[in-house]
Amino acid sequence: MEREKTITTYDRADSRIWWLLFSRVAVISFVLGVTAFIQVKGTESLSSASLHSVYSIIGITYALSIFYTLLYRRIRNIGVNINVQSICDVVLITTLVYVTGGIESMYSPFYFLVIIYTVLFLGRRGGITIASVSSILYGLLLDLEFYQVIHPFYSVDHHYSFSAGYVFSRIFIYVILFYIIALLASFVVEREKKTRILLSEKVSAFDRLDLLHRSIIESVESGIMTTDLSGMIRSFNRAAEKITGYPFHEVKDRHVDEIFPEISATMANSSNNNKRVELNMPSRDGRPMIVGFSLSPLRQGGGGDIGRIWIFQDLTAIKAMQAEVDKSKRLALIGEMSAVLAHELRNPLASISGSIQILQRDLALDGTDRKLMDIVLRGKDQLESLVKDFLLLARPNPAARDVIDIREIIGEVLDTARFDREWNDDIIIEQTWCDNTRIVGNKTEIRQALWNIILNAFQAMPEGGRLNVETAATNETMNSAYLKIVIEDTGPGVDEAILDNILEPFYTTKEKGTGLGLAIVGRIVESHKGKFSLESKIDGGTRCSIFLPAE
């Protein structure tokens, strides 16, 4: 900051030096013009010798201006340059006064200009010094003329008619004026300098306050947008750019309805006194978002409204988390109900199963009775499978964890699936394995989860197709190492509207399905602290991805 202030001060002084050089040339050019006019008009107020002397002084001044320029380029010290210029100027002005009439010269006020610019550059002390030099030279000039040591150029006969009182009073008045001009100019310059310093401090304080304000606004994670009373966007912080995808330069001075028509329409129709609404809207790249908006008046210091403040947040992730929490609550409730139901079914089912086995062993059944017995046995098997699914959904076993090889388990599942009634010889199985396919988990539960997914894939391809199984080591989803298992089929796919509910317990699109298969997969993967995702589209197949903790 100090370096910047020094550079700024130096630049200001540098600019003033060049203006001084330019002004001197302008003034002497004016004097040249006046002198030339006098000579052209043929006035007798100045003798020929005076005119020639004036021309000589003007030429010397032009030459000195060139010298001052070269001196300043070589020596950048302000004090040295101003002292040289002011002293030379006082000597030249004294000479000019002498050759243009002495005590009657109209160029005596030029001393004031030298004193003033000296004060501007060197302050009061420099002004007093030049005022003293001017007083000495001007007083000495008038005294030498009065005592006729030198003769003025203003007349041919060298007639001098001024009294001693007039001469000395003129000297006294000019000396007093020199010092008064020096003091007044220094007073004005000091006041101007103090004002400039105070203004600089105020500007610096304002800049710091503005920087703090901008830092706060830019650091807030909520999007902040301000509009004027006509709805034109005036500010747009970094969070707003990130949420909406619009950079500030693209929305600046554009109407809010043009950029966010959904927001304006929703706010206008909102009956909420706080003007707080939530709405679904697409981002700039087409990504669906859930955004919460609040609208407040923007007031100036006097209390009048000057615009509106729009504060908004991207609630997409929060709403997804809320949905996951709600889903977990539902699954927990269903799990408790499933545990109770499985317990209530297990005991009578065990009794029925034991009784049927005894009857089957002791009775010799023929015809219709054997068919009825087979129906009862199949019903018993279905009930046992349902109870098993209930128990898996209700209470996956978190304690029984071992190092297991996914490649071996999938191989066992595929070998078993070839003997299932859902198998089709036209199904082509492709397998891609990474180097390490070992995970930490419950072998029985993992086999059940993989079986449910692969069985669904076979059921989706009754006419044949391709089943792709691949694994990859990854940590892109979680912080630690995980094994990614992908099972993809080429079946007809699932509508996106169904995907949101397909993992819910008891939700099924199959006539004979229970709706527990994928729900159990999700429950098992969740109990292993993994992640399960499902991607599908019509005529595009279904892709299941499972992330399980690696060994």
Protein backbone atom coordinates (compact mmCIF):
# COMPACT_ATOMS: atom_id res chain seq x y z
CA MET A 1 0.00 0.00 0.00
CA GLU A 2 2.83 2.45 0.87
CA ARG A 3 4.59 1.61 -2.39
CA GLU A 4 1.42 2.29 -4.34
CA LYS A 5 0.96 5.61 -2.52
CA THR A 6 4.56 6.65 -3.27
CA ILE A 7 4.19 5.78 -6.94
CA THR A 8 0.92 7.74 -7.13
CA THR A 9 2.51 10.82 -5.49
CA TYR A 10 5.50 10.63 -7.82
CA ASP A 11 3.27 10.38 -10.86
CA ARG A 12 1.29 13.42 -9.73
CA ALA A 13 4.49 15.50 -9.26
CA ASP A 14 5.80 14.29 -12.60
CA SER A 15 2.60 15.42 -14.30
CA ARG A 16 2.83 18.82 -12.61
CA ILE A 17 6.43 19.30 -13.78
CA TRP A 18 5.41 18.78 -17.38
CA TRP A 19 2.47 21.15 -16.96
CA LEU A 20 4.86 23.78 -15.55
CA LEU A 21 7.16 23.47 -18.54
CA PHE A 22 4.20 23.72 -20.89
CA SER A 23 2.73 26.73 -19.04
CA ARG A 24 6.06 28.59 -19.12
CA VAL A 25 6.25 28.14 -22.88
CA ALA A 26 2.64 29.29 -23.21
CA VAL A 27 3.23 32.44 -21.10
CA ILE A 28 6.42 33.42 -22.90
CA SER A 29 4.67 32.82 -26.21
CA PHE A 30 1.95 35.22 -25.04
CA VAL A 31 4.63 37.80 -24.18
CA LEU A 32 6.14 37.26 -27.62
CA GLY A 33 2.78 37.88 -29.21
CA VAL A 34 2.21 41.11 -27.23
CA THR A 35 5.67 42.38 -28.10
CA ALA A 36 5.21 41.62 -31.77
CA PHE A 37 1.84 43.42 -31.72
CA ILE A 38 3.47 46.51 -30.17
CA GLN A 39 6.15 46.52 -32.82
CA VAL A 40 3.66 46.08 -35.66
CA LYS A 41 1.45 48.91 -34.40
CA GLY A 42 4.50 51.13 -34.19
CA THR A 43 3.79 52.36 -30.66
CA GLU A 44 6.46 54.51 -29.05
CA SER A 45 5.94 53.15 -25.51
CA LEU A 46 9.00 50.93 -25.88
CA SER A 47 12.26 51.80 -27.55
CA SER A 48 13.87 49.70 -30.20
CA ALA A 49 16.50 48.54 -27.70
CA SER A 50 13.76 47.42 -25.30
CA LEU A 51 12.03 45.40 -28.00
CA HIS A 52 15.24 43.71 -29.01
CA SER A 53 15.99 42.92 -25.36
CA VAL A 54 12.51 41.42 -24.92
CA TYR A 55 13.06 39.21 -27.94
CA SER A 56 16.38 38.12 -26.48
CA ILE A 57 14.77 37.25 -23.13
CA ILE A 58 12.03 35.30 -24.91
CA GLY A 59 14.62 33.35 -26.88
CA ILE A 60 16.62 32.64 -23.70
CA THR A 61 13.41 31.40 -22.02
CA TYR A 62 12.69 28.99 -24.90
CA ALA A 63 16.26 27.72 -24.68
CA LEU A 64 15.99 27.33 -20.90
CA SER A 65 12.72 25.38 -21.31
CA ILE A 66 14.59 22.89 -23.45
CA PHE A 67 17.35 22.80 -20.85
CA TYR A 68 14.81 22.23 -18.05
CA THR A 69 13.33 19.31 -19.99
CA LEU A 70 16.73 17.68 -20.47
CA LEU A 71 17.65 18.36 -16.83
CA TYR A 72 14.46 16.71 -15.57
CA ARG A 73 15.01 13.67 -17.73
CA ARG A 74 18.49 13.31 -16.29
CA ILE A 75 17.89 14.37 -12.68
CA ARG A 76 14.48 13.24 -11.38
CA ASN A 77 14.81 15.14 -8.10
CA ILE A 78 11.85 17.53 -7.83
CA GLY A 79 13.56 19.96 -5.42
CA VAL A 80 16.64 20.45 -7.61
CA ASN A 81 14.58 21.06 -10.76
CA ILE A 82 12.13 23.52 -9.17
CA ASN A 83 14.87 25.51 -7.43
CA VAL A 84 16.82 25.85 -10.68
CA GLN A 85 13.71 26.83 -12.65
CA SER A 86 12.33 29.30 -10.08
CA ILE A 87 15.63 31.14 -9.58
CA CYS A 88 16.23 31.38 -13.32
CA ASP A 89 12.65 32.58 -13.82
CA VAL A 90 13.06 35.31 -11.17
CA VAL A 91 16.26 36.53 -12.83
CA LEU A 92 14.59 36.54 -16.26
CA ILE A 93 11.52 38.36 -14.94
CA THR A 94 13.74 40.98 -13.28
CA THR A 95 15.54 41.46 -16.60
CA LEU A 96 12.21 41.64 -18.42
CA VAL A 97 10.92 44.24 -15.97
CA TYR A 98 14.09 46.25 -16.44
CA VAL A 99 13.95 46.32 -20.24
CA THR A 100 10.18 47.03 -20.35
CA GLY A 101 10.07 50.11 -18.16
CA GLY A 102 11.47 49.24 -14.75
CA ILE A 103 9.19 50.75 -12.15
CA GLU A 104 6.47 51.22 -14.81
CA SER A 105 6.76 47.70 -16.32
CA MET A 106 3.52 45.75 -16.66
CA TYR A 107 5.36 42.43 -16.21
CA SER A 108 6.08 42.85 -12.47
CA PRO A 109 3.14 40.53 -11.50
CA PHE A 110 5.00 37.64 -13.18
CA TYR A 111 6.90 37.32 -9.87
CA PHE A 112 3.64 36.11 -8.32
CA LEU A 113 3.42 33.23 -10.77
CA VAL A 114 6.90 32.00 -9.86
CA ILE A 115 6.15 32.22 -6.11
CA ILE A 116 2.88 30.34 -6.54
CA TYR A 117 4.28 27.43 -8.53
CA THR A 118 7.25 27.19 -6.15
CA VAL A 119 4.83 26.83 -3.24
CA LEU A 120 2.94 24.14 -5.16
CA PHE A 121 6.08 22.04 -5.48
CA LEU A 122 8.26 22.96 -2.49
CA GLY A 123 5.73 24.13 0.08
CA ARG A 124 5.88 27.19 2.35
CA ARG A 125 9.64 27.20 2.85
CA GLY A 126 10.33 27.19 -0.88
CA GLY A 127 7.73 29.93 -1.44
CA ILE A 128 9.25 32.16 1.27
CA THR A 129 12.71 31.63 -0.25
CA ILE A 130 11.61 32.66 -3.74
CA ALA A 131 9.61 35.59 -2.30
CA SER A 132 12.81 36.76 -0.60
CA VAL A 133 14.84 36.39 -3.81
CA SER A 134 12.15 38.27 -5.75
CA SER A 135 12.07 41.04 -3.12
CA ILE A 136 15.85 41.45 -3.26
CA LEU A 137 16.09 41.52 -7.05
CA TYR A 138 13.06 43.75 -7.58
CA GLY A 139 14.07 46.15 -4.81
CA LEU A 140 17.66 46.24 -6.05
CA LEU A 141 16.47 46.98 -9.59
CA LEU A 142 14.29 49.92 -8.52
CA ASP A 143 17.00 51.27 -6.19
CA LEU A 144 19.66 51.17 -8.91
CA GLU A 145 17.29 52.97 -11.27
CA PHE A 146 16.45 55.60 -8.64
CA TYR A 147 20.09 56.30 -7.90
CA GLN A 148 20.76 56.27 -11.68
CA VAL A 149 23.35 53.52 -11.42
CA ILE A 150 21.51 51.90 -14.34
CA HIS A 151 19.32 53.61 -16.87
CA PRO A 152 15.88 52.25 -17.86
CA PHE A 153 15.05 51.40 -21.47
CA TYR A 154 11.55 52.84 -21.36
CA SER A 155 12.48 56.25 -22.86
CA VAL A 156 15.08 57.62 -25.21
CA ASP A 157 16.13 60.61 -23.15
CA HIS A 158 16.46 58.51 -19.95
CA HIS A 159 14.23 60.96 -18.06
CA TYR A 160 13.45 59.74 -14.53
CA SER A 161 10.72 61.61 -12.64
CA PHE A 162 9.75 59.37 -9.69
CA SER A 163 10.24 60.57 -6.11
CA ALA A 164 12.00 58.59 -3.42
CA GLY A 165 8.77 58.10 -1.47
CA TYR A 166 6.99 56.62 -4.46
CA VAL A 167 9.87 54.30 -5.30
CA PHE A 168 10.33 52.99 -1.79
CA SER A 169 6.57 52.63 -1.18
CA ARG A 170 6.31 50.59 -4.41
CA ILE A 171 9.19 48.41 -3.28
CA PHE A 172 7.55 47.97 0.14
CA ILE A 173 4.15 47.11 -1.36
CA TYR A 174 5.60 44.51 -3.73
CA VAL A 175 7.73 42.93 -1.00
CA ILE A 176 4.66 42.65 1.23
CA LEU A 177 2.68 41.21 -1.69
CA PHE A 178 5.41 38.67 -2.41
CA TYR A 179 5.27 37.32 1.13
CA ILE A 180 1.49 37.49 1.33
CA ILE A 181 1.21 35.53 -1.94
CA ALA A 182 3.72 32.97 -0.60
CA LEU A 183 1.81 32.59 2.70
CA LEU A 184 -1.64 32.46 1.11
CA ALA A 185 -0.51 30.00 -1.55
CA SER A 186 1.16 27.81 1.07
CA PHE A 187 -2.01 27.94 3.19
CA VAL A 188 -4.13 26.86 0.22
CA VAL A 189 -1.65 24.16 -0.78
CA GLU A 190 -1.46 22.78 2.76
CA ARG A 191 -5.25 22.76 3.03
CA GLU A 192 -5.47 21.05 -0.34
CA LYS A 193 -2.85 18.51 0.73
CA LYS A 194 -4.70 17.78 3.98
CA THR A 195 -7.96 17.49 2.08
CA ARG A 196 -6.33 15.13 -0.41
CA ILE A 197 -4.90 13.00 2.40
CA LEU A 198 -8.28 12.92 4.17
CA LEU A 199 -10.00 12.07 0.91
CA SER A 200 -7.43 9.37 0.24
CA GLU A 201 -8.05 7.92 3.69
CA LYS A 202 -11.79 8.01 3.12
CA VAL A 203 -11.41 6.39 -0.29
CA SER A 204 -9.11 3.77 1.21
CA ALA A 205 -11.59 3.10 4.02
CA PHE A 206 -14.41 2.92 1.50
CA ASP A 207 -12.38 0.55 -0.69
CA ARG A 208 -11.69 -1.67 2.32
CA LEU A 209 -15.36 -1.61 3.30
CA ASP A 210 -16.36 -2.33 -0.29
CA LEU A 211 -13.82 -5.16 -0.44
CA LEU A 212 -15.16 -6.57 2.84
CA HIS A 213 -18.71 -6.30 1.54
CA ARG A 214 -17.80 -8.01 -1.71
CA SER A 215 -15.82 -10.69 0.14
CA ILE A 216 -18.81 -11.43 2.37
CA ILE A 217 -21.21 -11.53 -0.56
CA GLU A 218 -18.87 -13.70 -2.64
CA SER A 219 -18.14 -16.05 0.29
CA VAL A 220 -21.79 -16.78 1.05
CA GLU A 221 -22.83 -20.18 -0.24
CA SER A 222 -26.30 -18.89 -1.10
CA GLY A 223 -26.90 -17.21 -4.43
CA ILE A 224 -27.53 -13.47 -4.10
CA MET A 225 -28.96 -11.41 -6.93
CA THR A 226 -30.08 -7.78 -6.82
CA THR A 227 -32.41 -6.07 -9.25
CA ASP A 228 -33.60 -2.49 -9.54
CA LEU A 229 -37.25 -1.50 -9.34
CA SER A 230 -37.73 -2.23 -13.03
CA GLY A 231 -36.42 -5.78 -12.63
CA MET A 232 -33.02 -5.30 -14.29
CA ILE A 233 -30.25 -7.46 -12.78
CA ARG A 234 -27.52 -5.35 -11.12
CA SER A 235 -25.41 -7.85 -9.16
CA PHE A 236 -24.84 -11.60 -9.16
CA ASN A 237 -22.46 -13.27 -6.72
CA ARG A 238 -20.20 -16.27 -7.33
CA ALA A 239 -22.63 -18.74 -5.69
CA ALA A 240 -25.40 -17.52 -7.99
CA GLU A 241 -23.16 -18.15 -10.99
CA LYS A 242 -22.36 -21.65 -9.72
CA ILE A 243 -25.99 -22.56 -9.02
CA THR A 244 -27.51 -21.23 -12.23
CA GLY A 245 -24.56 -21.71 -14.59
CA TYR A 246 -24.82 -18.10 -15.83
CA PRO A 247 -21.77 -15.81 -15.54
CA PHE A 248 -22.50 -12.30 -14.32
CA HIS A 249 -21.51 -10.59 -17.57
CA GLU A 250 -24.26 -12.51 -19.40
CA VAL A 251 -27.08 -11.51 -17.04
CA LYS A 252 -25.98 -7.97 -16.13
CA ASP A 253 -28.54 -5.30 -17.11
CA ARG A 254 -30.98 -7.94 -18.38
CA HIS A 255 -34.50 -8.37 -17.04
CA VAL A 256 -35.00 -11.12 -14.48
CA ASP A 257 -38.00 -12.45 -16.45
CA GLU A 258 -35.75 -12.98 -19.45
CA ILE A 259 -33.22 -15.11 -17.56
CA PHE A 260 -35.43 -16.80 -14.94
CA PRO A 261 -39.06 -16.76 -16.13
CA GLU A 262 -40.02 -19.57 -13.75
CA ILE A 263 -38.88 -17.60 -10.70
CA SER A 264 -40.70 -14.42 -11.54
CA ALA A 265 -43.95 -16.21 -12.37
CA THR A 266 -43.82 -18.30 -9.19
CA MET A 267 -43.04 -15.27 -7.02
CA ALA A 268 -45.92 -13.33 -8.54
CA ASN A 269 -48.37 -16.16 -7.83
CA SER A 270 -47.04 -16.88 -4.35
CA SER A 271 -49.37 -16.08 -1.45
CA ASN A 272 -46.55 -16.50 1.07
CA ASN A 273 -45.95 -13.26 2.95
CA ASN A 274 -42.22 -14.03 3.19
CA LYS A 275 -42.05 -14.63 -0.55
CA ARG A 276 -40.23 -17.92 0.08
CA VAL A 277 -40.91 -20.57 -2.53
CA GLU A 278 -39.41 -23.77 -3.86
CA LEU A 279 -39.63 -24.70 -7.50
CA ASN A 280 -38.24 -27.12 -10.02
CA MET A 281 -36.25 -25.41 -12.74
CA PRO A 282 -33.53 -26.46 -15.16
CA SER A 283 -30.00 -25.13 -14.91
CA ARG A 284 -28.32 -23.57 -17.90
CA ASP A 285 -26.96 -26.98 -18.99
CA GLY A 286 -30.42 -28.57 -18.69
CA ARG A 287 -29.80 -30.27 -15.34
CA PRO A 288 -33.02 -30.41 -13.26
CA MET A 289 -32.76 -28.54 -9.97
CA ILE A 290 -34.88 -27.84 -6.94
CA VAL A 291 -34.23 -24.23 -5.96
CA GLY A 292 -35.46 -22.34 -2.91
CA PHE A 293 -36.01 -18.60 -3.41
CA SER A 294 -36.75 -15.71 -1.09
CA LEU A 295 -37.45 -12.15 -2.18
CA SER A 296 -36.85 -9.07 -0.03
CA PRO A 297 -36.92 -5.33 -0.70
CA LEU A 298 -33.58 -3.53 -1.17
CA ARG A 299 -33.74 -0.26 0.76
CA GLN A 300 -31.44 2.75 0.76
CA GLY A 301 -30.29 4.69 3.82
CA GLY A 302 -33.39 6.89 3.90
CA GLY A 303 -35.68 3.88 3.93
CA GLY A 304 -36.99 4.02 0.38
CA ASP A 305 -36.97 0.95 -1.85
CA ILE A 306 -34.38 0.98 -4.62
CA GLY A 307 -34.74 -2.60 -5.80
CA ARG A 308 -35.10 -6.24 -4.77
CA ILE A 309 -32.76 -8.85 -3.25
CA TRP A 310 -33.17 -12.42 -4.47
CA ILE A 311 -31.58 -15.08 -2.26
CA PHE A 312 -31.64 -18.66 -3.46
CA GLN A 313 -30.12 -22.06 -2.71
CA ASP A 314 -29.76 -25.26 -4.69
CA LEU A 315 -31.86 -27.70 -2.67
CA THR A 316 -31.41 -30.64 -5.04
CA ALA A 317 -28.91 -32.48 -2.85
CA ILE A 318 -30.85 -31.66 0.33
CA LYS A 319 -34.10 -32.92 -1.15
CA ALA A 320 -32.31 -36.08 -2.31
CA MET A 321 -31.00 -36.60 1.22
CA GLN A 322 -34.48 -36.05 2.63
CA ALA A 323 -35.83 -38.60 0.18
CA GLU A 324 -33.14 -41.06 1.28
CA VAL A 325 -34.02 -40.43 4.94
CA ASP A 326 -37.71 -40.95 4.23
CA LYS A 327 -36.88 -44.09 2.30
CA SER A 328 -34.73 -45.38 5.16
CA LYS A 329 -37.58 -44.74 7.58
CA ARG A 330 -39.99 -46.64 5.36
CA LEU A 331 -37.53 -49.51 4.96
CA ALA A 332 -36.98 -49.61 8.70
CA LEU A 333 -40.72 -49.80 9.29
CA ILE A 334 -41.12 -52.46 6.62
CA GLY A 335 -38.16 -54.33 8.09
CA GLU A 336 -39.77 -54.38 11.52
CA MET A 337 -43.04 -55.55 10.04
CA SER A 338 -41.20 -58.19 8.00
CA ALA A 339 -39.38 -59.47 11.07
CA VAL A 340 -42.63 -59.79 13.01
CA LEU A 341 -44.38 -61.41 10.03
CA ALA A 342 -41.49 -63.83 9.43
CA HIS A 343 -41.50 -64.80 13.08
CA GLU A 344 -45.27 -65.39 13.07
CA LEU A 345 -45.08 -67.44 9.86
CA ARG A 346 -42.05 -69.47 10.83
CA ASN A 347 -43.57 -71.44 13.71
CA PRO A 348 -46.77 -72.60 11.97
CA LEU A 349 -44.77 -73.19 8.80
CA ALA A 350 -42.40 -75.45 10.70
CA SER A 351 -45.38 -77.37 12.06
CA ILE A 352 -46.92 -77.70 8.64
CA SER A 353 -43.61 -78.73 7.10
CA GLY A 354 -43.01 -81.43 9.74
CA SER A 355 -46.52 -82.78 9.45
CA ILE A 356 -46.35 -82.93 5.66
CA GLN A 357 -43.03 -84.78 5.77
CA ILE A 358 -44.48 -87.41 8.17
CA LEU A 359 -47.60 -87.83 6.04
CA GLN A 360 -45.53 -88.10 2.90
CA ARG A 361 -43.38 -90.80 4.49
CA ASP A 362 -46.18 -92.86 6.08
CA LEU A 363 -48.98 -92.58 3.50
CA ALA A 364 -49.12 -94.24 0.11
CA LEU A 365 -50.95 -91.71 -2.03
CA ASP A 366 -52.18 -92.19 -5.55
CA GLY A 367 -53.75 -89.97 -8.20
CA THR A 368 -55.53 -86.90 -6.94
CA ASP A 369 -54.19 -87.18 -3.38
CA ARG A 370 -50.55 -87.12 -4.59
CA LYS A 371 -51.26 -84.04 -6.73
CA LEU A 372 -52.77 -82.32 -3.73
CA MET A 373 -49.74 -83.29 -1.65
CA ASP A 374 -47.42 -81.79 -4.32
CA ILE A 375 -49.44 -78.56 -4.30
CA VAL A 376 -49.07 -78.35 -0.51
CA LEU A 377 -45.30 -78.98 -0.75
CA ARG A 378 -44.86 -76.27 -3.40
CA GLY A 379 -46.84 -73.83 -1.29
CA LYS A 380 -44.65 -74.73 1.69
CA ASP A 381 -41.50 -74.06 -0.36
CA GLN A 382 -42.86 -70.70 -1.51
CA LEU A 383 -43.68 -69.72 2.04
CA GLU A 384 -40.21 -70.71 3.22
CA SER A 385 -38.63 -68.64 0.43
CA LEU A 386 -40.85 -65.70 1.35
CA VAL A 387 -39.91 -65.98 5.03
CA LYS A 388 -36.24 -66.10 4.03
CA ASP A 389 -36.68 -62.94 1.96
CA PHE A 390 -38.47 -61.25 4.85
CA LEU A 391 -35.59 -62.07 7.18
CA LEU A 392 -32.98 -60.77 4.70
CA LEU A 393 -34.99 -57.56 4.27
CA ALA A 394 -35.48 -57.14 7.99
CA ARG A 395 -32.09 -58.08 9.46
CA PRO A 396 -29.03 -58.52 7.22
CA ASN A 397 -26.23 -60.06 9.27
CA PRO A 398 -23.61 -57.31 9.88
CA ALA A 399 -21.30 -59.45 12.01
CA ALA A 400 -20.51 -62.33 9.66
CA ARG A 401 -17.92 -60.62 7.46
CA ASP A 402 -15.12 -62.46 5.66
CA VAL A 403 -12.77 -61.84 2.78
CA ILE A 404 -14.59 -63.25 -0.24
CA ASP A 405 -13.84 -63.30 -3.95
CA ILE A 406 -16.57 -61.75 -6.09
CA ARG A 407 -15.28 -63.58 -9.15
CA GLU A 408 -15.87 -66.97 -7.51
CA ILE A 409 -19.31 -65.97 -6.24
CA ILE A 410 -20.47 -64.71 -9.64
CA GLY A 411 -19.11 -67.89 -11.21
CA GLU A 412 -21.17 -69.99 -8.77
CA VAL A 413 -24.27 -67.89 -9.43
CA LEU A 414 -23.89 -68.22 -13.21
CA ASP A 415 -23.35 -71.98 -12.95
CA THR A 416 -26.51 -72.28 -10.85
CA ALA A 417 -28.46 -69.98 -13.18
CA ARG A 418 -27.82 -72.29 -16.13
CA PHE A 419 -30.06 -74.88 -14.48
CA ASP A 420 -32.80 -72.33 -13.71
CA ARG A 421 -35.99 -72.29 -15.76
CA GLU A 422 -35.29 -68.64 -16.69
CA TRP A 423 -32.08 -69.63 -18.51
CA ASN A 424 -31.91 -69.29 -22.29
CA ASP A 425 -29.13 -70.78 -24.40
CA ASP A 426 -29.19 -67.67 -26.59
CA ILE A 427 -27.88 -65.52 -23.73
CA ILE A 428 -24.20 -64.60 -24.21
CA ILE A 429 -22.24 -63.88 -21.05
CA GLU A 430 -19.23 -61.56 -21.18
CA GLN A 431 -16.98 -61.14 -18.15
CA THR A 432 -14.28 -58.55 -17.49
CA TRP A 433 -12.29 -58.78 -14.26
CA CYS A 434 -9.89 -56.39 -12.57
CA ASP A 435 -6.76 -57.61 -10.76
CA ASN A 436 -8.20 -57.76 -7.25
CA THR A 437 -11.81 -58.92 -6.91
CA ARG A 438 -11.77 -59.64 -3.17
CA ILE A 439 -14.08 -57.76 -0.82
CA VAL A 440 -15.08 -57.87 2.83
CA GLY A 441 -18.65 -59.10 3.28
CA ASN A 442 -21.13 -61.84 4.10
CA LYS A 443 -20.82 -64.50 1.41
CA THR A 444 -24.40 -65.75 1.68
CA GLU A 445 -25.93 -62.29 1.49
CA ILE A 446 -23.69 -61.14 -1.36
CA ARG A 447 -24.51 -64.30 -3.31
CA GLN A 448 -28.22 -63.65 -2.73
CA ALA A 449 -27.90 -60.03 -3.93
CA LEU A 450 -26.00 -61.02 -7.07
CA TRP A 451 -28.42 -63.86 -7.73
CA ASN A 452 -31.40 -61.47 -7.58
CA ILE A 453 -29.77 -59.07 -10.06
CA ILE A 454 -28.63 -61.77 -12.51
CA LEU A 455 -32.01 -63.51 -12.30
CA ASN A 456 -33.77 -60.24 -13.17
CA ALA A 457 -31.39 -59.84 -16.12
CA PHE A 458 -32.25 -63.35 -17.42
CA GLN A 459 -35.97 -62.64 -16.99
CA ALA A 460 -35.54 -59.41 -19.01
CA MET A 461 -34.08 -61.38 -21.96
CA PRO A 462 -36.52 -64.28 -22.62
CA GLU A 463 -35.51 -64.31 -26.28
CA GLY A 464 -31.78 -64.17 -25.56
CA GLY A 465 -29.30 -61.33 -25.44
CA ARG A 466 -26.00 -60.32 -23.86
CA LEU A 467 -25.16 -60.20 -20.15
CA ASN A 468 -22.06 -58.17 -19.35
CA VAL A 469 -20.34 -58.57 -15.98
CA GLU A 470 -17.31 -56.46 -15.09
CA THR A 471 -15.44 -55.29 -12.02
CA ALA A 472 -13.15 -52.31 -11.38
CA ALA A 473 -11.30 -50.92 -8.38
CA THR A 474 -12.42 -47.40 -7.55
CA ASN A 475 -12.63 -44.77 -4.85
CA GLU A 476 -14.48 -42.14 -6.87
CA THR A 477 -17.70 -42.59 -4.93
CA MET A 478 -16.31 -43.01 -1.41
CA ASN A 479 -13.14 -41.95 0.30
CA SER A 480 -11.77 -45.47 0.78
CA ALA A 481 -11.09 -48.28 -1.71
CA TYR A 482 -14.15 -50.01 -3.15
CA LEU A 483 -14.82 -52.66 -5.75
CA LYS A 484 -17.28 -51.66 -8.44
CA ILE A 485 -19.40 -54.49 -9.83
CA VAL A 486 -21.39 -53.79 -13.01
CA ILE A 487 -24.07 -56.17 -14.33
CA GLU A 488 -25.63 -55.01 -17.60
CA ASP A 489 -28.20 -56.68 -19.83
CA THR A 490 -29.60 -55.92 -23.28
CA GLY A 491 -33.24 -56.36 -22.34
CA PRO A 492 -36.09 -53.95 -23.09
CA GLY A 493 -35.13 -51.66 -20.21
CA VAL A 494 -37.31 -49.89 -17.66
CA ASP A 495 -39.21 -46.63 -17.95
CA GLU A 496 -37.66 -43.74 -15.98
CA ALA A 497 -40.95 -43.21 -14.15
CA ILE A 498 -40.66 -46.74 -12.72
CA LEU A 499 -37.00 -46.41 -11.70
CA ASP A 500 -37.90 -44.10 -8.79
CA ASN A 501 -40.03 -46.84 -7.20
CA ILE A 502 -38.40 -50.07 -8.40
CA LEU A 503 -36.24 -50.39 -5.27
CA GLU A 504 -39.23 -50.01 -2.95
CA PRO A 505 -40.29 -53.22 -1.15
CA PHE A 506 -43.30 -55.00 -2.67
CA TYR A 507 -43.17 -52.87 -5.84
CA THR A 508 -43.09 -55.11 -8.90
CA THR A 509 -44.03 -55.08 -12.58
CA LYS A 510 -44.14 -58.88 -12.82
CA GLU A 511 -47.31 -60.91 -12.48
CA LYS A 512 -45.76 -63.46 -10.08
CA GLY A 513 -43.15 -61.21 -8.45
CA THR A 514 -43.14 -60.26 -4.76
CA GLY A 515 -41.29 -56.96 -5.22
CA LEU A 516 -38.61 -57.96 -2.72
CA GLY A 517 -35.72 -58.90 -5.03
CA LEU A 518 -34.15 -55.49 -5.66
CA ALA A 519 -35.27 -54.19 -2.25
CA ILE A 520 -33.24 -57.00 -0.68
CA VAL A 521 -30.27 -56.11 -2.90
CA GLY A 522 -30.41 -52.52 -1.72
CA ARG A 523 -30.77 -53.60 1.91
CA ILE A 524 -27.78 -55.99 1.71
CA VAL A 525 -25.54 -53.46 -0.03
CA GLU A 526 -26.53 -50.77 2.48
CA SER A 527 -25.71 -53.11 5.40
CA HIS A 528 -22.24 -53.60 3.84
CA LYS A 529 -21.79 -49.79 3.74
CA GLY A 530 -21.83 -49.82 -0.02
CA LYS A 531 -23.87 -48.20 -2.75
CA PHE A 532 -26.32 -49.61 -5.27
CA SER A 533 -27.53 -47.74 -8.35
CA LEU A 534 -29.73 -48.65 -11.27
CA GLU A 535 -29.72 -47.08 -14.74
CA SER A 536 -32.15 -48.05 -17.47
CA LYS A 537 -34.07 -46.72 -20.43
CA ILE A 538 -36.58 -48.09 -22.86
CA ASP A 539 -34.92 -50.32 -25.50
CA GLY A 540 -31.55 -49.52 -23.97
CA GLY A 541 -31.11 -52.29 -21.41
CA THR A 542 -30.50 -52.04 -17.67
CA ARG A 543 -27.21 -51.37 -15.89
CA CYS A 544 -26.79 -52.25 -12.21
CA SER A 545 -23.76 -50.89 -10.33
CA ILE A 546 -22.73 -52.13 -6.88
CA PHE A 547 -19.94 -50.58 -4.79
CA LEU A 548 -18.65 -52.85 -2.01
CA PRO A 549 -15.68 -52.30 0.36
CA ALA A 550 -12.53 -53.89 -1.05
CA GLU A 551 -10.25 -56.14 0.95
